[in-house]
């Protein structure tokens, strides 16, 4: 008998049971607010003007979710790499949390996919400005509690702010290029 990399229904059920048994893994201001955005977008699909509403918010929401999923997953990897030798259980819990956040973000983006196609570059640039403002607020004002894992709050906050600054700089350069284009 050999092990399979494809999870069985028991594996998936165990993961879901674990997540419901440990809800604090997903409860923070960042998760609540970002999940609220996804729920709001899903609720908007029931509105008569849903195409117009979702057409306006989908690029911004997709970028917010991308930052959320990728950032959470990268932080969980950093935590496992730095601290697994000394606290294996806790780092594995954080890693599972990072995977969960990544999956939630992916599901949200997949739900928005039909509203994302064919958007001009200027729409994406404006959406990126809003997403950067959202995450800057999250980091500077609310600072997700998982940044403080093992006393690394200052390090992780600084790294995240540097990444947001780099993304904002790239966005500004792209805005300037788009103005020069005919």
N, C-alpha and C. Protein backbone atom coordinates (compact mmCIF):
# COMPACT_ATOMS: atom_id res chain seq x y z
N UNK A 1 0.85 -1.18 0.00
CA UNK A 1 0.00 0.00 0.00
C UNK A 1 0.90 1.24 0.00
N UNK A 2 0.57 2.21 -0.82
CA UNK A 2 1.34 3.45 -0.86
C UNK A 2 0.44 4.65 -0.54
N UNK A 3 1.06 5.70 -0.08
CA UNK A 3 0.31 6.90 0.28
C UNK A 3 -0.01 7.71 -0.96
N UNK A 4 -1.16 8.32 -0.95
CA UNK A 4 -1.60 9.15 -2.07
C UNK A 4 -1.52 10.62 -1.69
N UNK A 5 -1.12 11.44 -2.65
CA UNK A 5 -1.08 12.88 -2.39
C UNK A 5 -2.45 13.51 -2.54
N UNK A 6 -3.38 12.77 -3.13
CA UNK A 6 -4.75 13.26 -3.27
C UNK A 6 -5.49 12.99 -1.97
N UNK A 7 -6.03 14.04 -1.34
CA UNK A 7 -6.70 13.83 -0.06
C UNK A 7 -7.99 13.02 -0.23
N UNK A 8 -8.24 12.15 0.72
CA UNK A 8 -9.47 11.37 0.71
C UNK A 8 -10.59 12.20 1.33
N UNK A 9 -11.80 11.70 1.24
CA UNK A 9 -12.92 12.38 1.90
C UNK A 9 -12.69 12.44 3.40
N UNK A 10 -12.05 11.41 3.97
CA UNK A 10 -11.75 11.40 5.40
C UNK A 10 -10.74 12.51 5.74
N UNK A 11 -9.76 12.70 4.85
CA UNK A 11 -8.77 13.77 5.07
C UNK A 11 -9.45 15.14 5.06
N UNK A 12 -10.29 15.35 4.06
CA UNK A 12 -10.99 16.64 3.94
C UNK A 12 -11.94 16.83 5.13
N UNK A 13 -12.65 15.77 5.48
CA UNK A 13 -13.55 15.85 6.64
C UNK A 13 -12.78 16.14 7.91
N UNK A 14 -11.60 15.51 8.05
CA UNK A 14 -10.76 15.77 9.22
C UNK A 14 -10.30 17.22 9.27
N UNK A 15 -9.93 17.77 8.11
CA UNK A 15 -9.50 19.17 8.05
C UNK A 15 -10.65 20.11 8.42
N UNK A 16 -11.83 19.86 7.85
CA UNK A 16 -12.99 20.70 8.17
C UNK A 16 -13.33 20.58 9.66
N UNK A 17 -13.31 19.35 10.19
CA UNK A 17 -13.57 19.16 11.61
C UNK A 17 -12.56 19.88 12.48
N UNK A 18 -11.30 19.83 12.06
CA UNK A 18 -10.23 20.51 12.80
C UNK A 18 -10.46 22.03 12.80
N UNK A 19 -10.82 22.56 11.64
CA UNK A 19 -11.04 24.01 11.54
C UNK A 19 -12.23 24.44 12.39
N UNK A 20 -13.33 23.67 12.34
CA UNK A 20 -14.49 24.00 13.18
C UNK A 20 -14.20 23.78 14.66
N UNK A 21 -13.33 22.86 14.96
CA UNK A 21 -12.94 22.61 16.35
C UNK A 21 -11.96 23.64 16.89
N UNK A 22 -11.32 24.38 16.00
CA UNK A 22 -10.34 25.40 16.38
C UNK A 22 -10.65 26.72 15.67
N UNK A 23 -11.82 27.30 15.93
CA UNK A 23 -12.23 28.48 15.16
C UNK A 23 -11.34 29.70 15.35
N UNK A 24 -10.58 29.77 16.45
CA UNK A 24 -9.73 30.93 16.67
C UNK A 24 -8.66 31.07 15.60
N UNK A 25 -8.45 30.02 14.81
CA UNK A 25 -7.47 30.11 13.73
C UNK A 25 -7.89 31.13 12.68
N UNK A 26 -9.19 31.38 12.56
CA UNK A 26 -9.69 32.24 11.51
C UNK A 26 -10.34 33.52 12.03
N UNK A 27 -10.33 33.72 13.33
CA UNK A 27 -11.04 34.87 13.87
C UNK A 27 -10.05 35.96 14.22
N UNK A 28 -10.03 36.96 13.40
CA UNK A 28 -9.25 38.17 13.65
C UNK A 28 -9.92 39.27 12.84
N UNK A 29 -9.56 40.50 13.09
CA UNK A 29 -10.18 41.60 12.37
C UNK A 29 -9.97 41.45 10.87
N UNK A 30 -8.81 41.04 10.45
CA UNK A 30 -8.51 40.89 9.03
C UNK A 30 -9.42 39.84 8.40
N UNK A 31 -9.52 38.70 9.04
CA UNK A 31 -10.33 37.62 8.50
C UNK A 31 -11.80 38.00 8.48
N UNK A 32 -12.28 38.59 9.55
CA UNK A 32 -13.70 38.97 9.63
C UNK A 32 -14.03 40.00 8.56
N UNK A 33 -13.20 41.03 8.42
CA UNK A 33 -13.48 42.07 7.44
C UNK A 33 -13.38 41.54 6.02
N UNK A 34 -12.38 40.74 5.74
CA UNK A 34 -12.21 40.22 4.38
C UNK A 34 -13.30 39.21 4.05
N UNK A 35 -13.67 38.37 5.00
CA UNK A 35 -14.78 37.45 4.79
C UNK A 35 -16.08 38.22 4.59
N UNK A 36 -16.24 39.31 5.32
CA UNK A 36 -17.40 40.18 5.13
C UNK A 36 -17.48 40.73 3.71
N UNK A 37 -16.34 41.07 3.13
CA UNK A 37 -16.32 41.54 1.75
C UNK A 37 -16.79 40.44 0.79
N UNK A 38 -16.34 39.21 1.03
CA UNK A 38 -16.77 38.09 0.18
C UNK A 38 -18.27 37.87 0.33
N UNK A 39 -18.76 37.88 1.56
CA UNK A 39 -20.20 37.69 1.79
C UNK A 39 -20.98 38.82 1.12
N UNK A 40 -20.48 40.05 1.22
CA UNK A 40 -21.14 41.18 0.56
C UNK A 40 -21.18 41.01 -0.95
N UNK A 41 -20.10 40.52 -1.51
CA UNK A 41 -20.07 40.29 -2.97
C UNK A 41 -21.06 39.20 -3.37
N UNK A 42 -21.12 38.13 -2.57
CA UNK A 42 -22.07 37.06 -2.85
C UNK A 42 -23.50 37.59 -2.72
N UNK A 43 -23.76 38.40 -1.69
CA UNK A 43 -25.09 38.99 -1.51
C UNK A 43 -25.44 39.90 -2.68
N UNK A 44 -24.44 40.58 -3.23
CA UNK A 44 -24.69 41.48 -4.36
C UNK A 44 -25.18 40.73 -5.58
N UNK A 45 -24.88 39.44 -5.67
CA UNK A 45 -25.34 38.67 -6.82
C UNK A 45 -26.86 38.53 -6.83
N UNK A 46 -27.51 38.77 -5.71
CA UNK A 46 -28.97 38.67 -5.63
C UNK A 46 -29.66 39.98 -6.02
N UNK A 47 -28.91 41.05 -6.18
CA UNK A 47 -29.48 42.34 -6.50
C UNK A 47 -29.80 42.47 -7.98
N UNK A 48 -30.83 43.26 -8.32
CA UNK A 48 -31.18 43.42 -9.73
C UNK A 48 -30.05 44.04 -10.57
N UNK A 49 -29.27 44.90 -10.00
CA UNK A 49 -28.17 45.57 -10.71
C UNK A 49 -26.84 44.86 -10.48
N UNK A 50 -26.87 43.55 -10.23
CA UNK A 50 -25.67 42.82 -9.82
C UNK A 50 -24.52 42.96 -10.80
N UNK A 51 -24.77 42.95 -12.09
CA UNK A 51 -23.67 43.03 -13.05
C UNK A 51 -22.94 44.36 -12.92
N UNK A 52 -23.68 45.43 -12.75
CA UNK A 52 -23.05 46.75 -12.61
C UNK A 52 -22.28 46.85 -11.30
N UNK A 53 -22.88 46.37 -10.22
CA UNK A 53 -22.25 46.45 -8.91
C UNK A 53 -21.00 45.58 -8.87
N UNK A 54 -21.15 44.32 -9.24
CA UNK A 54 -20.01 43.41 -9.20
C UNK A 54 -18.95 43.78 -10.23
N UNK A 55 -19.37 44.35 -11.34
CA UNK A 55 -18.41 44.81 -12.34
C UNK A 55 -17.50 45.89 -11.77
N UNK A 56 -18.06 46.73 -10.89
CA UNK A 56 -17.27 47.80 -10.28
C UNK A 56 -16.37 47.30 -9.16
N UNK A 57 -16.87 46.38 -8.35
CA UNK A 57 -16.10 45.98 -7.16
C UNK A 57 -15.26 44.73 -7.35
N UNK A 58 -15.53 43.95 -8.38
CA UNK A 58 -14.84 42.66 -8.54
C UNK A 58 -13.32 42.80 -8.63
N UNK A 59 -12.77 43.71 -9.44
CA UNK A 59 -11.30 43.79 -9.50
C UNK A 59 -10.68 44.15 -8.14
N UNK A 60 -11.28 45.09 -7.43
CA UNK A 60 -10.75 45.46 -6.11
C UNK A 60 -10.84 44.30 -5.14
N UNK A 61 -11.98 43.66 -5.10
CA UNK A 61 -12.17 42.54 -4.19
C UNK A 61 -11.22 41.39 -4.53
N UNK A 62 -11.03 41.13 -5.81
CA UNK A 62 -10.11 40.06 -6.21
C UNK A 62 -8.68 40.37 -5.76
N UNK A 63 -8.26 41.61 -5.87
CA UNK A 63 -6.91 41.98 -5.42
C UNK A 63 -6.78 41.92 -3.91
N UNK A 64 -7.80 42.36 -3.19
CA UNK A 64 -7.79 42.26 -1.73
C UNK A 64 -7.67 40.79 -1.33
N UNK A 65 -8.45 39.94 -1.98
CA UNK A 65 -8.40 38.51 -1.67
C UNK A 65 -7.07 37.89 -2.04
N UNK A 66 -6.49 38.32 -3.16
CA UNK A 66 -5.18 37.78 -3.55
C UNK A 66 -4.13 38.13 -2.50
N UNK A 67 -4.11 39.39 -2.05
CA UNK A 67 -3.16 39.78 -1.00
C UNK A 67 -3.42 38.98 0.27
N UNK A 68 -4.68 38.81 0.63
CA UNK A 68 -5.08 38.07 1.82
C UNK A 68 -4.59 36.63 1.76
N UNK A 69 -4.89 35.95 0.67
CA UNK A 69 -4.51 34.54 0.55
C UNK A 69 -3.01 34.33 0.46
N UNK A 70 -2.37 35.08 -0.41
CA UNK A 70 -0.93 34.93 -0.59
C UNK A 70 -0.18 35.35 0.67
N UNK A 71 -0.56 36.48 1.25
CA UNK A 71 0.10 36.96 2.46
C UNK A 71 -0.04 36.00 3.63
N UNK A 72 -1.24 35.49 3.83
CA UNK A 72 -1.47 34.54 4.92
C UNK A 72 -0.66 33.26 4.72
N UNK A 73 -0.65 32.79 3.49
CA UNK A 73 0.08 31.56 3.21
C UNK A 73 1.59 31.77 3.38
N UNK A 74 2.11 32.87 2.88
CA UNK A 74 3.55 33.15 3.04
C UNK A 74 3.94 33.31 4.51
N UNK A 75 3.08 33.98 5.28
CA UNK A 75 3.36 34.12 6.71
C UNK A 75 3.36 32.76 7.39
N UNK A 76 2.42 31.90 7.02
CA UNK A 76 2.39 30.57 7.64
C UNK A 76 3.64 29.77 7.29
N UNK A 77 4.14 29.93 6.08
CA UNK A 77 5.39 29.25 5.70
C UNK A 77 6.56 29.81 6.51
N UNK A 78 6.61 31.13 6.65
CA UNK A 78 7.69 31.76 7.43
C UNK A 78 7.66 31.25 8.87
N UNK A 79 6.48 31.13 9.44
CA UNK A 79 6.35 30.65 10.83
C UNK A 79 6.84 29.22 10.94
N UNK A 80 6.45 28.36 10.00
CA UNK A 80 6.90 26.96 10.05
C UNK A 80 8.41 26.88 9.91
N UNK A 81 8.97 27.62 8.96
CA UNK A 81 10.42 27.55 8.74
C UNK A 81 11.22 28.06 9.94
N UNK A 82 10.74 29.12 10.58
CA UNK A 82 11.49 29.71 11.69
C UNK A 82 11.33 28.98 13.01
N UNK A 83 10.13 28.48 13.28
CA UNK A 83 9.83 28.02 14.64
C UNK A 83 9.45 26.55 14.77
N UNK A 84 9.42 25.79 13.69
CA UNK A 84 8.94 24.42 13.78
C UNK A 84 9.80 23.54 14.68
N UNK A 85 11.08 23.75 14.70
CA UNK A 85 11.95 22.93 15.56
C UNK A 85 11.62 23.07 17.03
N UNK A 86 11.25 24.28 17.46
CA UNK A 86 11.00 24.51 18.88
C UNK A 86 9.54 24.33 19.27
N UNK A 87 8.61 24.62 18.39
CA UNK A 87 7.18 24.47 18.70
C UNK A 87 6.43 23.90 17.49
N UNK A 88 6.59 22.61 17.25
CA UNK A 88 6.02 22.02 16.04
C UNK A 88 4.49 22.10 15.95
N UNK A 89 3.78 21.80 17.03
CA UNK A 89 2.32 21.80 16.95
C UNK A 89 1.78 23.18 16.59
N UNK A 90 2.23 24.20 17.28
CA UNK A 90 1.74 25.55 17.06
C UNK A 90 2.04 26.04 15.65
N UNK A 91 3.22 25.71 15.14
CA UNK A 91 3.56 26.14 13.79
C UNK A 91 2.73 25.39 12.75
N UNK A 92 2.43 24.14 13.02
CA UNK A 92 1.59 23.39 12.10
C UNK A 92 0.16 23.93 12.11
N UNK A 93 -0.32 24.35 13.27
CA UNK A 93 -1.64 24.98 13.35
C UNK A 93 -1.65 26.25 12.50
N UNK A 94 -0.61 27.06 12.62
CA UNK A 94 -0.53 28.28 11.82
C UNK A 94 -0.44 27.95 10.33
N UNK A 95 0.26 26.89 9.98
CA UNK A 95 0.38 26.50 8.58
C UNK A 95 -0.98 26.09 8.02
N UNK A 96 -1.73 25.30 8.79
CA UNK A 96 -3.09 24.91 8.36
C UNK A 96 -3.95 26.16 8.20
N UNK A 97 -3.81 27.10 9.10
CA UNK A 97 -4.54 28.36 9.00
C UNK A 97 -4.17 29.09 7.71
N UNK A 98 -2.89 29.15 7.39
CA UNK A 98 -2.45 29.80 6.16
C UNK A 98 -3.03 29.14 4.92
N UNK A 99 -3.06 27.82 4.92
CA UNK A 99 -3.66 27.09 3.80
C UNK A 99 -5.14 27.43 3.71
N UNK A 100 -5.82 27.44 4.85
CA UNK A 100 -7.25 27.77 4.86
C UNK A 100 -7.53 29.16 4.32
N UNK A 101 -6.74 30.13 4.73
CA UNK A 101 -6.91 31.49 4.22
C UNK A 101 -6.67 31.55 2.71
N UNK A 102 -5.66 30.83 2.26
CA UNK A 102 -5.34 30.79 0.83
C UNK A 102 -6.51 30.19 0.04
N UNK A 103 -7.09 29.12 0.56
CA UNK A 103 -8.22 28.47 -0.11
C UNK A 103 -9.43 29.39 -0.13
N UNK A 104 -9.74 30.05 0.99
CA UNK A 104 -10.87 30.97 1.04
C UNK A 104 -10.69 32.09 0.01
N UNK A 105 -9.49 32.63 -0.08
CA UNK A 105 -9.22 33.68 -1.07
C UNK A 105 -9.41 33.14 -2.49
N UNK A 106 -8.90 31.96 -2.75
CA UNK A 106 -9.05 31.35 -4.07
C UNK A 106 -10.50 31.13 -4.45
N UNK A 107 -11.30 30.67 -3.50
CA UNK A 107 -12.73 30.46 -3.75
C UNK A 107 -13.40 31.80 -4.06
N UNK A 108 -13.06 32.82 -3.28
CA UNK A 108 -13.63 34.15 -3.53
C UNK A 108 -13.28 34.67 -4.91
N UNK A 109 -12.04 34.52 -5.31
CA UNK A 109 -11.60 34.98 -6.64
C UNK A 109 -12.30 34.16 -7.73
N UNK A 110 -12.43 32.86 -7.52
CA UNK A 110 -13.12 32.01 -8.50
C UNK A 110 -14.57 32.46 -8.68
N UNK A 111 -15.23 32.83 -7.59
CA UNK A 111 -16.61 33.29 -7.68
C UNK A 111 -16.72 34.61 -8.46
N UNK A 112 -15.68 35.40 -8.44
CA UNK A 112 -15.68 36.69 -9.14
C UNK A 112 -15.19 36.60 -10.58
N UNK A 113 -14.68 35.46 -10.97
CA UNK A 113 -13.98 35.30 -12.25
C UNK A 113 -14.74 35.88 -13.44
N UNK A 114 -16.02 35.64 -13.53
CA UNK A 114 -16.77 36.11 -14.70
C UNK A 114 -16.88 37.64 -14.74
N UNK A 115 -16.68 38.29 -13.61
CA UNK A 115 -16.73 39.75 -13.56
C UNK A 115 -15.36 40.40 -13.73
N UNK A 116 -14.33 39.59 -13.89
CA UNK A 116 -12.97 40.10 -13.98
C UNK A 116 -12.45 40.17 -15.41
N UNK A 117 -13.06 39.44 -16.30
CA UNK A 117 -12.56 39.36 -17.68
C UNK A 117 -12.78 40.67 -18.44
N UNK A 118 -11.79 40.99 -19.24
CA UNK A 118 -11.93 42.13 -20.15
C UNK A 118 -11.88 43.50 -19.51
N UNK A 119 -11.41 43.59 -18.30
CA UNK A 119 -11.31 44.89 -17.63
C UNK A 119 -10.08 45.63 -18.15
N UNK A 120 -10.22 46.92 -18.45
CA UNK A 120 -9.05 47.67 -18.92
C UNK A 120 -8.03 47.88 -17.81
N UNK A 121 -6.81 48.16 -18.21
CA UNK A 121 -5.70 48.32 -17.26
C UNK A 121 -6.00 49.39 -16.23
N UNK A 122 -6.63 50.48 -16.64
CA UNK A 122 -6.92 51.58 -15.70
C UNK A 122 -7.86 51.12 -14.58
N UNK A 123 -8.78 50.24 -14.88
CA UNK A 123 -9.69 49.71 -13.85
C UNK A 123 -8.89 48.90 -12.84
N UNK A 124 -7.96 48.08 -13.34
CA UNK A 124 -7.12 47.27 -12.45
C UNK A 124 -6.21 48.15 -11.61
N UNK A 125 -5.68 49.21 -12.20
CA UNK A 125 -4.81 50.11 -11.45
C UNK A 125 -5.58 50.83 -10.34
N UNK A 126 -6.78 51.27 -10.65
CA UNK A 126 -7.62 51.92 -9.63
C UNK A 126 -8.00 50.91 -8.54
N UNK A 127 -8.33 49.70 -8.96
CA UNK A 127 -8.66 48.65 -7.99
C UNK A 127 -7.46 48.35 -7.09
N UNK A 128 -6.27 48.38 -7.67
CA UNK A 128 -5.06 48.12 -6.89
C UNK A 128 -4.83 49.23 -5.87
N UNK A 129 -5.13 50.47 -6.23
CA UNK A 129 -5.02 51.58 -5.27
C UNK A 129 -5.92 51.33 -4.06
N UNK A 130 -7.15 50.93 -4.31
CA UNK A 130 -8.09 50.67 -3.22
C UNK A 130 -7.63 49.48 -2.38
N UNK A 131 -7.17 48.42 -3.04
CA UNK A 131 -6.69 47.24 -2.31
C UNK A 131 -5.49 47.60 -1.44
N UNK A 132 -4.59 48.41 -1.97
CA UNK A 132 -3.42 48.83 -1.18
C UNK A 132 -3.85 49.68 0.02
N UNK A 133 -4.82 50.55 -0.18
CA UNK A 133 -5.32 51.37 0.93
C UNK A 133 -5.96 50.47 2.00
N UNK A 134 -6.75 49.49 1.57
CA UNK A 134 -7.39 48.55 2.49
C UNK A 134 -6.34 47.82 3.34
N UNK A 135 -5.31 47.27 2.68
CA UNK A 135 -4.31 46.50 3.42
C UNK A 135 -3.39 47.39 4.25
N UNK A 136 -3.14 48.61 3.80
CA UNK A 136 -2.36 49.54 4.62
C UNK A 136 -3.11 49.85 5.90
N UNK A 137 -4.42 50.07 5.80
CA UNK A 137 -5.25 50.29 6.98
C UNK A 137 -5.21 49.07 7.89
N UNK A 138 -5.38 47.88 7.31
CA UNK A 138 -5.36 46.65 8.10
C UNK A 138 -4.05 46.52 8.87
N UNK A 139 -2.94 46.81 8.20
CA UNK A 139 -1.63 46.64 8.84
C UNK A 139 -1.33 47.73 9.84
N UNK A 140 -1.59 48.97 9.48
CA UNK A 140 -1.20 50.09 10.33
C UNK A 140 -2.14 50.28 11.52
N UNK A 141 -3.42 50.03 11.32
CA UNK A 141 -4.40 50.31 12.39
C UNK A 141 -4.79 49.04 13.14
N UNK A 142 -5.11 47.99 12.42
CA UNK A 142 -5.64 46.78 13.07
C UNK A 142 -4.57 45.71 13.31
N UNK A 143 -3.48 45.74 12.63
CA UNK A 143 -2.40 44.77 12.69
C UNK A 143 -2.91 43.37 13.07
N UNK A 144 -3.02 42.50 12.08
CA UNK A 144 -3.52 41.15 12.36
C UNK A 144 -2.78 40.50 13.53
N UNK A 145 -3.50 39.86 14.44
CA UNK A 145 -2.86 39.28 15.62
C UNK A 145 -1.84 38.20 15.30
N UNK A 146 -1.99 37.50 14.20
CA UNK A 146 -1.03 36.44 13.87
C UNK A 146 0.32 37.01 13.46
N UNK A 147 0.41 38.32 13.25
CA UNK A 147 1.72 38.94 13.01
C UNK A 147 2.59 38.84 14.27
N UNK A 148 1.95 38.75 15.43
CA UNK A 148 2.66 38.74 16.70
C UNK A 148 3.13 37.35 17.13
N UNK A 149 2.94 36.36 16.30
CA UNK A 149 3.34 35.00 16.65
C UNK A 149 4.80 34.99 17.06
N UNK A 150 5.07 34.48 18.26
CA UNK A 150 6.42 34.36 18.82
C UNK A 150 7.16 35.70 18.87
N UNK A 151 6.43 36.78 19.10
CA UNK A 151 7.06 38.08 19.29
C UNK A 151 7.65 38.72 18.04
N UNK A 152 7.18 38.33 16.88
CA UNK A 152 7.77 38.86 15.66
C UNK A 152 6.93 39.97 15.01
N UNK A 153 6.09 40.63 15.78
CA UNK A 153 5.18 41.65 15.23
C UNK A 153 5.91 42.74 14.45
N UNK A 154 6.95 43.32 15.01
CA UNK A 154 7.64 44.43 14.34
C UNK A 154 8.26 43.96 13.02
N UNK A 155 8.89 42.80 13.04
CA UNK A 155 9.53 42.25 11.85
C UNK A 155 8.51 42.01 10.74
N UNK A 156 7.43 41.34 11.07
CA UNK A 156 6.42 40.98 10.06
C UNK A 156 5.68 42.22 9.58
N UNK A 157 5.35 43.12 10.49
CA UNK A 157 4.67 44.35 10.08
C UNK A 157 5.56 45.14 9.13
N UNK A 158 6.83 45.27 9.46
CA UNK A 158 7.75 46.00 8.59
C UNK A 158 7.87 45.32 7.23
N UNK A 159 8.00 44.00 7.21
CA UNK A 159 8.09 43.27 5.94
C UNK A 159 6.83 43.48 5.09
N UNK A 160 5.68 43.42 5.73
CA UNK A 160 4.42 43.62 4.99
C UNK A 160 4.31 45.05 4.46
N UNK A 161 4.70 46.02 5.27
CA UNK A 161 4.65 47.42 4.82
C UNK A 161 5.65 47.67 3.68
N UNK A 162 6.80 47.04 3.73
CA UNK A 162 7.77 47.16 2.63
C UNK A 162 7.16 46.58 1.35
N UNK A 163 6.51 45.43 1.46
CA UNK A 163 5.88 44.82 0.29
C UNK A 163 4.76 45.71 -0.26
N UNK A 164 3.96 46.30 0.62
CA UNK A 164 2.90 47.20 0.16
C UNK A 164 3.49 48.45 -0.49
N UNK A 165 4.59 48.94 0.05
CA UNK A 165 5.26 50.10 -0.54
C UNK A 165 5.78 49.76 -1.93
N UNK A 166 6.37 48.59 -2.08
CA UNK A 166 6.85 48.15 -3.39
C UNK A 166 5.68 48.02 -4.37
N UNK A 167 4.57 47.45 -3.90
CA UNK A 167 3.40 47.31 -4.77
C UNK A 167 2.83 48.68 -5.14
N UNK A 168 2.81 49.61 -4.20
CA UNK A 168 2.32 50.96 -4.48
C UNK A 168 3.23 51.68 -5.47
N UNK A 169 4.53 51.47 -5.34
CA UNK A 169 5.48 52.08 -6.27
C UNK A 169 5.27 51.52 -7.68
N UNK A 170 5.13 50.21 -7.78
CA UNK A 170 4.87 49.59 -9.08
C UNK A 170 3.57 50.12 -9.67
N UNK A 171 2.57 50.28 -8.83
CA UNK A 171 1.28 50.78 -9.30
C UNK A 171 1.41 52.21 -9.81
N UNK A 172 2.18 53.04 -9.10
CA UNK A 172 2.39 54.43 -9.53
C UNK A 172 3.11 54.48 -10.88
N UNK A 173 4.11 53.63 -11.05
CA UNK A 173 4.83 53.57 -12.32
C UNK A 173 3.88 53.16 -13.45
N UNK A 174 3.05 52.18 -13.19
CA UNK A 174 2.09 51.73 -14.21
C UNK A 174 1.08 52.82 -14.53
N UNK A 175 0.65 53.60 -13.53
CA UNK A 175 -0.25 54.74 -13.79
C UNK A 175 0.42 55.73 -14.70
N UNK A 176 1.68 56.05 -14.41
CA UNK A 176 2.40 57.03 -15.25
C UNK A 176 2.56 56.52 -16.67
N UNK A 177 2.86 55.27 -16.83
CA UNK A 177 2.97 54.68 -18.17
C UNK A 177 1.64 54.69 -18.91
N UNK A 178 0.56 54.44 -18.18
CA UNK A 178 -0.76 54.41 -18.84
C UNK A 178 -1.19 55.79 -19.30
N UNK A 179 -0.74 56.83 -18.63
CA UNK A 179 -1.05 58.20 -19.06
C UNK A 179 -0.30 58.58 -20.31
N UNK A 180 0.90 58.02 -20.49
CA UNK A 180 1.70 58.32 -21.66
C UNK A 180 1.22 57.55 -22.89
N UNK A 181 0.57 56.41 -22.64
CA UNK A 181 0.08 55.59 -23.77
C UNK A 181 -1.06 56.31 -24.49
N UNK A 182 -1.13 56.15 -25.82
CA UNK A 182 -2.19 56.84 -26.59
C UNK A 182 -3.57 56.34 -26.28
